[in-house]
PDB file of N, CA and C in Angstrom:
ATOM      1  N   MET A   1      26.551  22.754   5.979  1.00  0.00           N
ATOM      2  CA  MET A   1      26.814  21.652   6.500  1.00  0.00           C
ATOM      3  C   MET A   1      25.392  21.038   6.852  1.00  0.00           C
ATOM      4  N   ILE A   2      25.012  19.978   6.553  1.00  0.00           N
ATOM      5  CA  ILE A   2      23.706  19.386   6.935  1.00  0.00           C
ATOM      6  C   ILE A   2      23.962  18.566   8.279  1.00  0.00           C
ATOM      7  N   ALA A   3      23.228  19.022   9.355  1.00  0.00           N
ATOM      8  CA  ALA A   3      23.269  18.333  10.575  1.00  0.00           C
ATOM      9  C   ALA A   3      22.023  17.548  11.035  1.00  0.00           C
ATOM     10  N   PRO A   4      22.192  16.554  11.705  1.00  0.00           N
ATOM     11  CA  PRO A   4      21.105  15.631  12.210  1.00  0.00           C
ATOM     12  C   PRO A   4      20.080  16.405  13.059  1.00  0.00           C
ATOM     13  N   THR A   5      18.941  16.095  13.046  1.00  0.00           N
ATOM     14  CA  THR A   5      17.891  16.763  13.881  1.00  0.00           C
ATOM     15  C   THR A   5      18.120  16.250  15.299  1.00  0.00           C
ATOM     16  N   THR A   6      18.423  15.028  15.420  1.00  0.00           N
ATOM     17  CA  THR A   6      18.554  14.406  16.922  1.00  0.00           C
ATOM     18  C   THR A   6      20.040  14.499  17.296  1.00  0.00           C
ATOM     19  N   SER A   7      20.293  15.273  18.270  1.00  0.00           N
ATOM     20  CA  SER A   7      21.501  15.509  18.862  1.00  0.00           C
ATOM     21  C   SER A   7      22.041  14.003  19.290  1.00  0.00           C
ATOM     22  N   ILE A   8      23.561  14.010  19.585  1.00  0.00           N
ATOM     23  CA  ILE A   8      24.126  12.716  19.896  1.00  0.00           C
ATOM     24  C   ILE A   8      23.791  12.437  21.296  1.00  0.00           C
ATOM     25  N   GLY A   9      23.719  13.488  22.003  1.00  0.00           N
ATOM     26  CA  GLY A   9      23.097  13.360  23.530  1.00  0.00           C
ATOM     27  C   GLY A   9      21.861  12.819  23.555  1.00  0.00           C
ATOM     28  N   ALA A  10      20.930  12.875  22.598  1.00  0.00           N
ATOM     29  CA  ALA A  10      19.491  12.135  22.469  1.00  0.00           C
ATOM     30  C   ALA A  10      19.648  10.869  22.159  1.00  0.00           C
ATOM     31  N   ARG A  11      20.618  10.353  21.891  1.00  0.00           N
ATOM     32  CA  ARG A  11      20.702   8.960  21.406  1.00  0.00           C
ATOM     33  C   ARG A  11      21.511   7.985  22.455  1.00  0.00           C
ATOM     34  N   PRO A  12      20.774   7.810  23.563  1.00  0.00           N
ATOM     35  CA  PRO A  12      21.528   7.145  24.432  1.00  0.00           C
ATOM     36  C   PRO A  12      21.463   5.373  24.483  1.00  0.00           C
ATOM     37  N   HIS A  13      20.900   4.896  23.529  1.00  0.00           N
ATOM     38  CA  HIS A  13      20.766   3.464  23.367  1.00  0.00           C
ATOM     39  C   HIS A  13      21.559   2.884  22.518  1.00  0.00           C
ATOM     40  N   TRP A  14      22.260   1.900  22.739  1.00  0.00           N
ATOM     41  CA  TRP A  14      23.009   1.066  21.796  1.00  0.00           C
ATOM     42  C   TRP A  14      22.381  -0.006  21.171  1.00  0.00           C
ATOM     43  N   VAL A  15      22.212  -0.050  19.881  1.00  0.00           N
ATOM     44  CA  VAL A  15      21.318  -1.083  19.120  1.00  0.00           C
ATOM     45  C   VAL A  15      22.162  -1.703  18.156  1.00  0.00           C
ATOM     46  N   LEU A  16      21.858  -2.872  18.006  1.00  0.00           N
ATOM     47  CA  LEU A  16      22.491  -3.778  16.734  1.00  0.00           C
ATOM     48  C   LEU A  16      21.457  -3.971  15.850  1.00  0.00           C
ATOM     49  N   LEU A  17      21.914  -3.874  14.456  1.00  0.00           N
ATOM     50  CA  LEU A  17      21.140  -3.971  13.394  1.00  0.00           C
ATOM     51  C   LEU A  17      21.409  -5.429  12.488  1.00  0.00           C
ATOM     52  N   GLN A  18      20.347  -6.092  12.059  1.00  0.00           N
ATOM     53  CA  GLN A  18      20.437  -7.118  11.453  1.00  0.00           C
ATOM     54  C   GLN A  18      19.506  -7.241  10.059  1.00  0.00           C
ATOM     55  N   ASN A  19      19.996  -7.758   9.291  1.00  0.00           N
ATOM     56  CA  ASN A  19      19.029  -8.258   7.853  1.00  0.00           C
ATOM     57  C   ASN A  19      19.103  -9.590   7.885  1.00  0.00           C
ATOM     58  N   PRO A  20      18.082 -10.462   7.156  1.00  0.00           N
ATOM     59  CA  PRO A  20      18.178 -11.791   6.854  1.00  0.00           C
ATOM     60  C   PRO A  20      19.402 -11.920   5.949  1.00  0.00           C
ATOM     61  N   ASP A  21      20.071 -13.159   6.116  1.00  0.00           N
ATOM     62  CA  ASP A  21      21.211 -13.408   5.419  1.00  0.00           C
ATOM     63  C   ASP A  21      20.457 -14.385   4.079  1.00  0.00           C
ATOM     64  N   THR A  22      21.366 -14.915   3.343  1.00  0.00           N
ATOM     65  CA  THR A  22      21.002 -15.566   2.149  1.00  0.00           C
ATOM     66  C   THR A  22      20.271 -16.936   2.709  1.00  0.00           C
ATOM     67  N   ALA A  23      19.284 -17.549   1.892  1.00  0.00           N
ATOM     68  CA  ALA A  23      18.672 -18.586   2.271  1.00  0.00           C
ATOM     69  C   ALA A  23      19.434 -19.852   2.113  1.00  0.00           C
ATOM     70  N   VAL A  24      19.258 -20.786   2.979  1.00  0.00           N
ATOM     71  CA  VAL A  24      19.994 -22.045   2.964  1.00  0.00           C
ATOM     72  C   VAL A  24      19.189 -23.044   3.159  1.00  0.00           C
ATOM     73  N   PRO A  25      19.272 -24.119   2.198  1.00  0.00           N
ATOM     74  CA  PRO A  25      18.260 -25.225   2.368  1.00  0.00           C
ATOM     75  C   PRO A  25      18.536 -25.913   3.734  1.00  0.00           C
ATOM     76  N   ASP A  26      17.226 -26.327   4.157  1.00  0.00           N
ATOM     77  CA  ASP A  26      17.237 -27.012   5.552  1.00  0.00           C
ATOM     78  C   ASP A  26      17.288 -28.478   5.663  1.00  0.00           C
ATOM     79  N   GLY A  27      17.069 -29.099   4.353  1.00  0.00           N
ATOM     80  CA  GLY A  27      17.375 -30.524   4.425  1.00  0.00           C
ATOM     81  C   GLY A  27      15.961 -31.308   4.297  1.00  0.00           C
ATOM     82  N   ASP A  28      14.913 -30.454   4.609  1.00  0.00           N
ATOM     83  CA  ASP A  28      13.425 -31.094   4.542  1.00  0.00           C
ATOM     84  C   ASP A  28      12.698 -30.412   3.353  1.00  0.00           C
ATOM     85  N   GLY A  29      13.488 -29.856   2.562  1.00  0.00           N
ATOM     86  CA  GLY A  29      12.847 -29.067   1.364  1.00  0.00           C
ATOM     87  C   GLY A  29      12.367 -27.707   1.657  1.00  0.00           C
ATOM     88  N   GLY A  30      12.806 -27.279   2.738  1.00  0.00           N
ATOM     89  CA  GLY A  30      12.472 -25.755   2.916  1.00  0.00           C
ATOM     90  C   GLY A  30      13.904 -24.906   3.118  1.00  0.00           C
ATOM     91  N   TYR A  31      13.773 -23.545   3.586  1.00  0.00           N
ATOM     92  CA  TYR A  31      14.979 -22.822   3.650  1.00  0.00           C
ATOM     93  C   TYR A  31      14.894 -22.283   5.055  1.00  0.00           C
ATOM     94  N   THR A  32      16.021 -21.915   5.553  1.00  0.00           N
ATOM     95  CA  THR A  32      16.228 -21.053   6.728  1.00  0.00           C
ATOM     96  C   THR A  32      17.082 -19.806   6.488  1.00  0.00           C
ATOM     97  N   GLN A  33      16.827 -18.778   6.999  1.00  0.00           N
ATOM     98  CA  GLN A  33      17.467 -17.474   6.925  1.00  0.00           C
ATOM     99  C   GLN A  33      17.904 -17.043   8.240  1.00  0.00           C
ATOM    100  N   ALA A  34      19.497 -17.155   8.677  1.00  0.00           N
ATOM    101  CA  ALA A  34      19.952 -16.557   9.734  1.00  0.00           C
ATOM    102  C   ALA A  34      20.147 -15.092   9.633  1.00  0.00           C
ATOM    103  N   PRO A  35      20.045 -14.422  10.755  1.00  0.00           N
ATOM    104  CA  PRO A  35      20.231 -12.985  10.588  1.00  0.00           C
ATOM    105  C   PRO A  35      21.769 -12.821  10.670  1.00  0.00           C
ATOM    106  N   ALA A  36      22.026 -11.568   9.727  1.00  0.00           N
ATOM    107  CA  ALA A  36      23.322 -11.234   9.454  1.00  0.00           C
ATOM    108  C   ALA A  36      23.449  -9.772   9.835  1.00  0.00           C
ATOM    109  N   PRO A  37      24.644  -9.455  10.618  1.00  0.00           N
ATOM    110  CA  PRO A  37      24.764  -8.003  11.093  1.00  0.00           C
ATOM    111  C   PRO A  37      25.006  -7.032   9.678  1.00  0.00           C
ATOM    112  N   LEU A  38      24.583  -5.862   9.922  1.00  0.00           N
ATOM    113  CA  LEU A  38      24.602  -4.901   8.924  1.00  0.00           C
ATOM    114  C   LEU A  38      26.100  -4.443   8.972  1.00  0.00           C
ATOM    115  N   ALA A  39      26.519  -3.447   7.999  1.00  0.00           N
ATOM    116  CA  ALA A  39      28.011  -2.916   8.165  1.00  0.00           C
ATOM    117  C   ALA A  39      27.777  -1.330   8.230  1.00  0.00           C
ATOM    118  N   PRO A  40      28.032  -0.638   9.253  1.00  0.00           N
ATOM    119  CA  PRO A  40      28.369  -1.219  10.713  1.00  0.00           C
ATOM    120  C   PRO A  40      27.150  -1.761  11.337  1.00  0.00           C
ATOM    121  N   PRO A  41      27.404  -2.956  12.151  1.00  0.00           N
ATOM    122  CA  PRO A  41      26.463  -3.573  12.890  1.00  0.00           C
ATOM    123  C   PRO A  41      25.625  -2.803  14.069  1.00  0.00           C
ATOM    124  N   GLY A  42      26.272  -1.806  14.649  1.00  0.00           N
ATOM    125  CA  GLY A  42      25.565  -1.194  15.797  1.00  0.00           C
ATOM    126  C   GLY A  42      25.921   0.206  15.722  1.00  0.00           C
ATOM    127  N   MET A  43      24.929   0.876  16.633  1.00  0.00           N
ATOM    128  CA  MET A  43      25.193   2.509  16.465  1.00  0.00           C
ATOM    129  C   MET A  43      24.299   2.822  17.672  1.00  0.00           C
ATOM    130  N   PHE A  44      24.593   4.235  18.087  1.00  0.00           N
ATOM    131  CA  PHE A  44      23.723   4.802  19.266  1.00  0.00           C
ATOM    132  C   PHE A  44      22.626   5.244  18.587  1.00  0.00           C
ATOM    133  N   ALA A  45      21.412   5.023  19.272  1.00  0.00           N
ATOM    134  CA  ALA A  45      20.198   5.589  18.800  1.00  0.00           C
ATOM    135  C   ALA A  45      19.170   6.046  19.866  1.00  0.00           C
ATOM    136  N   GLN A  46      18.146   6.696  19.321  1.00  0.00           N
ATOM    137  CA  GLN A  46      17.157   7.162  20.388  1.00  0.00           C
ATOM    138  C   GLN A  46      15.937   6.134  20.127  1.00  0.00           C
ATOM    139  N   VAL A  47      15.475   5.394  21.352  1.00  0.00           N
ATOM    140  CA  VAL A  47      14.446   4.425  21.344  1.00  0.00           C
ATOM    141  C   VAL A  47      13.406   5.000  21.998  1.00  0.00           C
ATOM    142  N   ARG A  48      12.161   5.137  21.439  1.00  0.00           N
ATOM    143  CA  ARG A  48      11.017   5.594  22.348  1.00  0.00           C
ATOM    144  C   ARG A  48       9.813   5.069  21.793  1.00  0.00           C
ATOM    145  N   PRO A  49       8.906   4.816  22.667  1.00  0.00           N
ATOM    146  CA  PRO A  49       7.474   4.503  22.374  1.00  0.00           C
ATOM    147  C   PRO A  49       6.894   5.213  21.313  1.00  0.00           C
ATOM    148  N   ALA A  50       5.981   4.764  20.376  1.00  0.00           N
ATOM    149  CA  ALA A  50       5.458   5.554  19.375  1.00  0.00           C
ATOM    150  C   ALA A  50       4.049   5.843  19.709  1.00  0.00           C
ATOM    151  N   THR A  51       3.749   6.933  19.477  1.00  0.00           N
ATOM    152  CA  THR A  51       2.519   7.822  19.794  1.00  0.00           C
ATOM    153  C   THR A  51       1.905   7.884  18.361  1.00  0.00           C
ATOM    154  N   ALA A  52       0.390   8.199  18.596  1.00  0.00           N
ATOM    155  CA  ALA A  52      -0.299   8.519  17.349  1.00  0.00           C
ATOM    156  C   ALA A  52       0.105   9.660  16.680  1.00  0.00           C
ATOM    157  N   LYS A  53       0.583  10.681  17.440  1.00  0.00           N
ATOM    158  CA  LYS A  53       1.200  11.770  16.539  1.00  0.00           C
ATOM    159  C   LYS A  53       2.412  11.679  15.905  1.00  0.00           C
ATOM    160  N   ASP A  54       3.331  10.765  16.439  1.00  0.00           N
ATOM    161  CA  ASP A  54       4.594  10.517  15.888  1.00  0.00           C
ATOM    162  C   ASP A  54       4.293   9.645  14.533  1.00  0.00           C
ATOM    163  N   LEU A  55       3.316   8.769  14.499  1.00  0.00           N
ATOM    164  CA  LEU A  55       2.962   7.909  13.479  1.00  0.00           C
ATOM    165  C   LEU A  55       2.425   8.919  12.262  1.00  0.00           C
ATOM    166  N   GLU A  56       1.536   9.750  12.885  1.00  0.00           N
ATOM    167  CA  GLU A  56       0.987  10.672  11.747  1.00  0.00           C
ATOM    168  C   GLU A  56       2.046  11.524  11.156  1.00  0.00           C
ATOM    169  N   ARG A  57       2.989  12.005  11.740  1.00  0.00           N
ATOM    170  CA  ARG A  57       4.072  12.716  11.360  1.00  0.00           C
ATOM    171  C   ARG A  57       4.887  12.135  10.400  1.00  0.00           C
ATOM    172  N   VAL A  58       5.323  10.932  10.887  1.00  0.00           N
ATOM    173  CA  VAL A  58       6.420  10.119  10.300  1.00  0.00           C
ATOM    174  C   VAL A  58       5.818   9.403   9.233  1.00  0.00           C
ATOM    175  N   ALA A  59       4.810   8.705   9.204  1.00  0.00           N
ATOM    176  CA  ALA A  59       4.143   7.683   8.158  1.00  0.00           C
ATOM    177  C   ALA A  59       2.970   8.315   7.557  1.00  0.00           C
ATOM    178  N   ALA A  60       2.798   9.402   7.312  1.00  0.00           N
ATOM    179  CA  ALA A  60       1.652   9.976   6.678  1.00  0.00           C
ATOM    180  C   ALA A  60       1.359   9.287   5.286  1.00  0.00           C
ATOM    181  N   GLY A  61       0.049   8.958   5.208  1.00  0.00           N
ATOM    182  CA  GLY A  61      -0.278   8.353   4.111  1.00  0.00           C
ATOM    183  C   GLY A  61      -0.348   6.821   4.155  1.00  0.00           C
ATOM    184  N   THR A  62       0.251   6.174   5.380  1.00  0.00           N
ATOM    185  CA  THR A  62       0.281   4.760   5.359  1.00  0.00           C
ATOM    186  C   THR A  62      -0.385   4.279   6.749  1.00  0.00           C
ATOM    187  N   VAL A  63      -0.842   3.038   6.874  1.00  0.00           N
ATOM    188  CA  VAL A  63      -1.482   2.559   8.054  1.00  0.00           C
ATOM    189  C   VAL A  63      -0.456   1.655   8.820  1.00  0.00           C
ATOM    190  N   LEU A  64      -0.185   2.206   9.916  1.00  0.00           N
ATOM    191  CA  LEU A  64       0.920   1.308  10.651  1.00  0.00           C
ATOM    192  C   LEU A  64       0.433   1.189  12.215  1.00  0.00           C
ATOM    193  N   SER A  65      -0.697   0.537  12.396  1.00  0.00           N
ATOM    194  CA  SER A  65      -1.429   0.433  13.606  1.00  0.00           C
ATOM    195  C   SER A  65      -0.667  -0.461  14.515  1.00  0.00           C
ATOM    196  N   MET A  66       0.344  -1.246  14.153  1.00  0.00           N
ATOM    197  CA  MET A  66       1.119  -2.094  14.835  1.00  0.00           C
ATOM    198  C   MET A  66       2.330  -1.737  15.391  1.00  0.00           C
ATOM    199  N   ALA A  67       2.782  -0.472  15.171  1.00  0.00           N
ATOM    200  CA  ALA A  67       4.080   0.154  15.386  1.00  0.00           C
ATOM    201  C   ALA A  67       3.962   0.289  16.864  1.00  0.00           C
ATOM    202  N   SER A  68       5.312  -0.054  17.634  1.00  0.00           N
ATOM    203  CA  SER A  68       5.345   0.171  19.019  1.00  0.00           C
ATOM    204  C   SER A  68       6.362   1.263  19.425  1.00  0.00           C
ATOM    205  N   HIS A  69       7.243   1.360  18.473  1.00  0.00           N
ATOM    206  CA  HIS A  69       8.583   2.101  18.753  1.00  0.00           C
ATOM    207  C   HIS A  69       9.004   3.008  17.640  1.00  0.00           C
ATOM    208  N   ILE A  70       9.688   3.995  17.889  1.00  0.00           N
ATOM    209  CA  ILE A  70      10.331   4.669  16.913  1.00  0.00           C
ATOM    210  C   ILE A  70      11.722   4.662  17.324  1.00  0.00           C
ATOM    211  N   VAL A  71      12.635   4.582  16.294  1.00  0.00           N
ATOM    212  CA  VAL A  71      14.157   4.366  16.548  1.00  0.00           C
ATOM    213  C   VAL A  71      14.653   5.331  15.529  1.00  0.00           C
ATOM    214  N   THR A  72      15.344   6.445  16.174  1.00  0.00           N
ATOM    215  CA  THR A  72      16.046   7.490  15.318  1.00  0.00           C
ATOM    216  C   THR A  72      17.540   7.280  15.629  1.00  0.00           C
ATOM    217  N   MET A  73      18.258   7.101  14.382  1.00  0.00           N
ATOM    218  CA  MET A  73      19.616   6.814  14.576  1.00  0.00           C
ATOM    219  C   MET A  73      20.373   7.624  13.195  1.00  0.00           C
ATOM    220  N   PRO A  74      21.646   7.634  13.306  1.00  0.00           N
ATOM    221  CA  PRO A  74      22.269   8.230  12.087  1.00  0.00           C
ATOM    222  C   PRO A  74      22.032   7.454  10.809  1.00  0.00           C
ATOM    223  N   TYR A  75      22.029   8.265   9.453  1.00  0.00           N
ATOM    224  CA  TYR A  75      21.526   7.460   8.542  1.00  0.00           C
ATOM    225  C   TYR A  75      22.361   5.987   8.232  1.00  0.00           C
ATOM    226  N   HIS A  76      21.471   5.241   7.967  1.00  0.00           N
ATOM    227  CA  HIS A  76      22.051   3.787   7.427  1.00  0.00           C
ATOM    228  C   HIS A  76      21.469   3.388   6.273  1.00  0.00           C
ATOM    229  N   PRO A  77      21.962   3.161   5.201  1.00  0.00           N
ATOM    230  CA  PRO A  77      21.537   2.884   3.861  1.00  0.00           C
ATOM    231  C   PRO A  77      20.837   1.293   3.783  1.00  0.00           C
ATOM    232  N   GLN A  78      21.431   0.443   4.718  1.00  0.00           N
ATOM    233  CA  GLN A  78      21.033  -0.925   4.733  1.00  0.00           C
ATOM    234  C   GLN A  78      19.758  -1.136   5.576  1.00  0.00           C
ATOM    235  N   VAL A  79      19.007  -0.278   6.229  1.00  0.00           N
ATOM    236  CA  VAL A  79      17.959  -0.355   6.955  1.00  0.00           C
ATOM    237  C   VAL A  79      16.739  -0.347   6.058  1.00  0.00           C
ATOM    238  N   THR A  80      16.080  -1.665   6.299  1.00  0.00           N
ATOM    239  CA  THR A  80      14.839  -1.819   5.366  1.00  0.00           C
ATOM    240  C   THR A  80      13.786  -2.190   6.227  1.00  0.00           C
ATOM    241  N   THR A  81      12.582  -2.577   5.707  1.00  0.00           N
ATOM    242  CA  THR A  81      11.597  -3.277   6.279  1.00  0.00           C
ATOM    243  C   THR A  81      11.833  -4.826   6.782  1.00  0.00           C
ATOM    244  N   LYS A  82      13.064  -5.165   6.236  1.00  0.00           N
ATOM    245  CA  LYS A  82      13.406  -6.560   6.513  1.00  0.00           C
ATOM    246  C   LYS A  82      14.380  -6.566   7.738  1.00  0.00           C
ATOM    247  N   THR A  83      14.716  -5.228   8.222  1.00  0.00           N
ATOM    248  CA  THR A  83      15.624  -5.261   9.322  1.00  0.00           C
ATOM    249  C   THR A  83      15.155  -5.469  10.679  1.00  0.00           C
ATOM    250  N   GLN A  84      15.855  -6.082  11.645  1.00  0.00           N
ATOM    251  CA  GLN A  84      15.530  -6.360  13.048  1.00  0.00           C
ATOM    252  C   GLN A  84      16.664  -5.515  13.834  1.00  0.00           C
ATOM    253  N   ILE A  85      16.087  -4.861  14.898  1.00  0.00           N
ATOM    254  CA  ILE A  85      16.856  -3.891  15.779  1.00  0.00           C
ATOM    255  C   ILE A  85      16.965  -4.696  17.005  1.00  0.00           C
ATOM    256  N   LEU A  86      18.065  -4.902  17.464  1.00  0.00           N
ATOM    257  CA  LEU A  86      18.207  -5.519  18.805  1.00  0.00           C
ATOM    258  C   LEU A  86      18.538  -4.462  19.657  1.00  0.00           C
ATOM    259  N   PHE A  87      17.840  -4.390  20.839  1.00  0.00           N
ATOM    260  CA  PHE A  87      17.902  -3.303  21.759  1.00  0.00           C
ATOM    261  C   PHE A  87      17.834  -3.944  23.205  1.00  0.00           C
ATOM    262  N   GLY A  88      18.920  -4.116  23.713  1.00  0.00           N
ATOM    263  CA  GLY A  88      19.019  -5.006  25.018  1.00  0.00           C
ATOM    264  C   GLY A  88      18.576  -6.287  24.611  1.00  0.00           C
ATOM    265  N   ALA A  89      17.607  -6.870  25.524  1.00  0.00           N
ATOM    266  CA  ALA A  89      17.247  -8.311  25.228  1.00  0.00           C
ATOM    267  C   ALA A  89      15.839  -8.209  24.398  1.00  0.00           C
ATOM    268  N   ARG A  90      15.441  -7.035  23.975  1.00  0.00           N
ATOM    269  CA  ARG A  90      14.327  -6.865  23.038  1.00  0.00           C
ATOM    270  C   ARG A  90      14.713  -6.978  21.512  1.00  0.00           C
ATOM    271  N   ARG A  91      13.635  -7.270  20.731  1.00  0.00           N
ATOM    272  CA  ARG A  91      13.845  -7.322  19.388  1.00  0.00           C
ATOM    273  C   ARG A  91      12.642  -6.437  18.765  1.00  0.00           C
ATOM    274  N   LEU A  92      13.183  -5.558  17.768  1.00  0.00           N
ATOM    275  CA  LEU A  92      12.150  -4.881  17.023  1.00  0.00           C
ATOM    276  C   LEU A  92      12.231  -5.094  15.622  1.00  0.00           C
ATOM    277  N   ASN A  93      11.275  -5.241  15.065  1.00  0.00           N
ATOM    278  CA  ASN A  93      11.141  -5.485  13.561  1.00  0.00           C
ATOM    279  C   ASN A  93      10.669  -4.083  12.911  1.00  0.00           C
ATOM    280  N   VAL A  94      11.487  -3.705  11.799  1.00  0.00           N
ATOM    281  CA  VAL A  94      11.182  -2.322  11.388  1.00  0.00           C
ATOM    282  C   VAL A  94      10.001  -2.651  10.193  1.00  0.00           C
ATOM    283  N   VAL A  95       8.980  -1.794  10.509  1.00  0.00           N
ATOM    284  CA  VAL A  95       7.765  -1.845   9.651  1.00  0.00           C
ATOM    285  C   VAL A  95       7.585  -0.531   8.652  1.00  0.00           C
ATOM    286  N   GLY A  96       8.479   0.345   8.734  1.00  0.00           N
ATOM    287  CA  GLY A  96       8.759   1.629   8.066  1.00  0.00           C
ATOM    288  C   GLY A  96       9.792   2.249   8.220  1.00  0.00           C
ATOM    289  N   VAL A  97      10.494   2.857   7.256  1.00  0.00           N
ATOM    290  CA  VAL A  97      11.683   3.523   7.159  1.00  0.00           C
ATOM    291  C   VAL A  97      11.599   5.020   6.575  1.00  0.00           C
ATOM    292  N   ALA A  98      12.030   6.053   7.090  1.00  0.00           N
ATOM    293  CA  ALA A  98      12.074   7.312   6.829  1.00  0.00           C
ATOM    294  C   ALA A  98      13.559   8.024   6.832  1.00  0.00           C
ATOM    295  N   SER A  99      13.658   8.871   5.929  1.00  0.00           N
ATOM    296  CA  SER A  99      14.741   9.878   5.870  1.00  0.00           C
ATOM    297  C   SER A  99      14.295  11.119   5.840  1.00  0.00           C
ATOM    298  N   PRO A 100      14.275  11.990   6.925  1.00  0.00           N
ATOM    299  CA  PRO A 100      13.800  13.194   6.902  1.00  0.00           C
ATOM    300  C   PRO A 100      14.272  14.052   5.822  1.00  0.00           C
ATOM    301  N   ASP A 101      13.416  14.651   5.049  1.00  0.00           N
ATOM    302  CA  ASP A 101      13.772  15.549   3.675  1.00  0.00           C
ATOM    303  C   ASP A 101      14.641  14.714   2.750  1.00  0.00           C
ATOM    304  N   GLU A 102      14.722  13.547   2.953  1.00  0.00           N
ATOM    305  CA  GLU A 102      15.533  12.612   2.085  1.00  0.00           C
ATOM    306  C   GLU A 102      17.007  13.115   1.959  1.00  0.00           C
ATOM    307  N   ARG A 103      17.546  13.584   3.215  1.00  0.00           N
ATOM    308  CA  ARG A 103      19.029  14.106   2.978  1.00  0.00           C
ATOM    309  C   ARG A 103      20.015  13.158   3.320  1.00  0.00           C
ATOM    310  N   HIS A 104      19.594  11.933   3.838  1.00  0.00           N
ATOM    311  CA  HIS A 104      20.307  10.867   4.099  1.00  0.00           C
ATOM    312  C   HIS A 104      21.420  11.191   5.235  1.00  0.00           C
ATOM    313  N   VAL A 105      20.809  11.920   6.204  1.00  0.00           N
ATOM    314  CA  VAL A 105      21.446  12.220   7.371  1.00  0.00           C
ATOM    315  C   VAL A 105      21.009  11.536   8.718  1.00  0.00           C
ATOM    316  N   GLU A 106      19.915  11.172   8.683  1.00  0.00           N
ATOM    317  CA  GLU A 106      19.094  10.459   9.764  1.00  0.00           C
ATOM    318  C   GLU A 106      18.179   9.408   9.257  1.00  0.00           C
ATOM    319  N   THR A 107      18.074   8.318   9.762  1.00  0.00           N
ATOM    320  CA  THR A 107      17.255   7.238   9.491  1.00  0.00           C
ATOM    321  C   THR A 107      16.124   7.371  10.848  1.00  0.00           C
ATOM    322  N   ILE A 108      14.672   7.091  10.489  1.00  0.00           N
ATOM    323  CA  ILE A 108      13.738   7.087  11.618  1.00  0.00           C
ATOM    324  C   ILE A 108      13.249   5.679  11.169  1.00  0.00           C
ATOM    325  N   ALA A 109      13.275   4.709  12.057  1.00  0.00           N
ATOM    326  CA  ALA A 109      12.662   3.369  11.902  1.00  0.00           C
ATOM    327  C   ALA A 109      11.583   3.322  12.798  1.00  0.00           C
ATOM    328  N   ILE A 110      10.379   2.882  12.033  1.00  0.00           N
ATOM    329  CA  ILE A 110       9.031   2.606  12.621  1.00  0.00           C
ATOM    330  C   ILE A 110       9.028   1.191  13.058  1.00  0.00           C
ATOM    331  N   CYS A 111       8.858   0.694  14.068  1.00  0.00           N
ATOM    332  CA  CYS A 111       9.139  -0.565  14.696  1.00  0.00           C
ATOM    333  C   CYS A 111       7.892  -1.214  15.430  1.00  0.00           C
ATOM    334  N   ALA A 112       8.035  -2.497  15.267  1.00  0.00           N
ATOM    335  CA  ALA A 112       7.059  -3.126  16.136  1.00  0.00           C
ATOM    336  C   ALA A 112       7.863  -4.340  17.097  1.00  0.00           C
ATOM    337  N   GLU A 113       7.483  -4.392  18.310  1.00  0.00           N
ATOM    338  CA  GLU A 113       8.264  -5.256  19.140  1.00  0.00           C
ATOM    339  C   GLU A 113       7.661  -6.614  19.052  1.00  0.00           C
ATOM    340  N   VAL A 114       8.918  -7.541  18.971  1.00  0.00           N
ATOM    341  CA  VAL A 114       8.377  -9.031  18.931  1.00  0.00           C
ATOM    342  C   VAL A 114       8.447  -9.491  20.198  1.00  0.00           C
ATOM    343  N   VAL A 115       7.354 -10.056  20.602  1.00  0.00           N
ATOM    344  CA  VAL A 115       6.988 -10.569  21.948  1.00  0.00           C
ATOM    345  C   VAL A 115       7.039 -12.172  21.766  1.00  0.00           C
ATOM    346  N   ALA A 116       8.123 -12.579  22.635  1.00  0.00           N
ATOM    347  CA  ALA A 116       8.281 -14.215  22.286  1.00  0.00           C
ATOM    348  C   ALA A 116       7.504 -14.858  23.424  1.00  0.00           C
TER     349      ALA A 116
END
């Protein structure tokens, strides 16, 4: 049996996951995209500040200088670089996604916090 590397007890935060919905004309010649919840829309995750060591380990070979958080959660196939993670009153945009060893057991999302 393949087990996740992050235990359930190490995932204390409830997060909501959203992707952009279908583009809808806004009446002025442009389009708007409202966020749509994923299925399932939420789960418990580990949310922690990103360190340089984390980014070197998870995102080797890419430049992610704007990453501010690492979110580790059970595998979710709909999480992409278009996904937003809502964490309390905070919003994190996913800038990179990894699945350790490509086993589809765990998703590691490298995120940048949106400051309004």
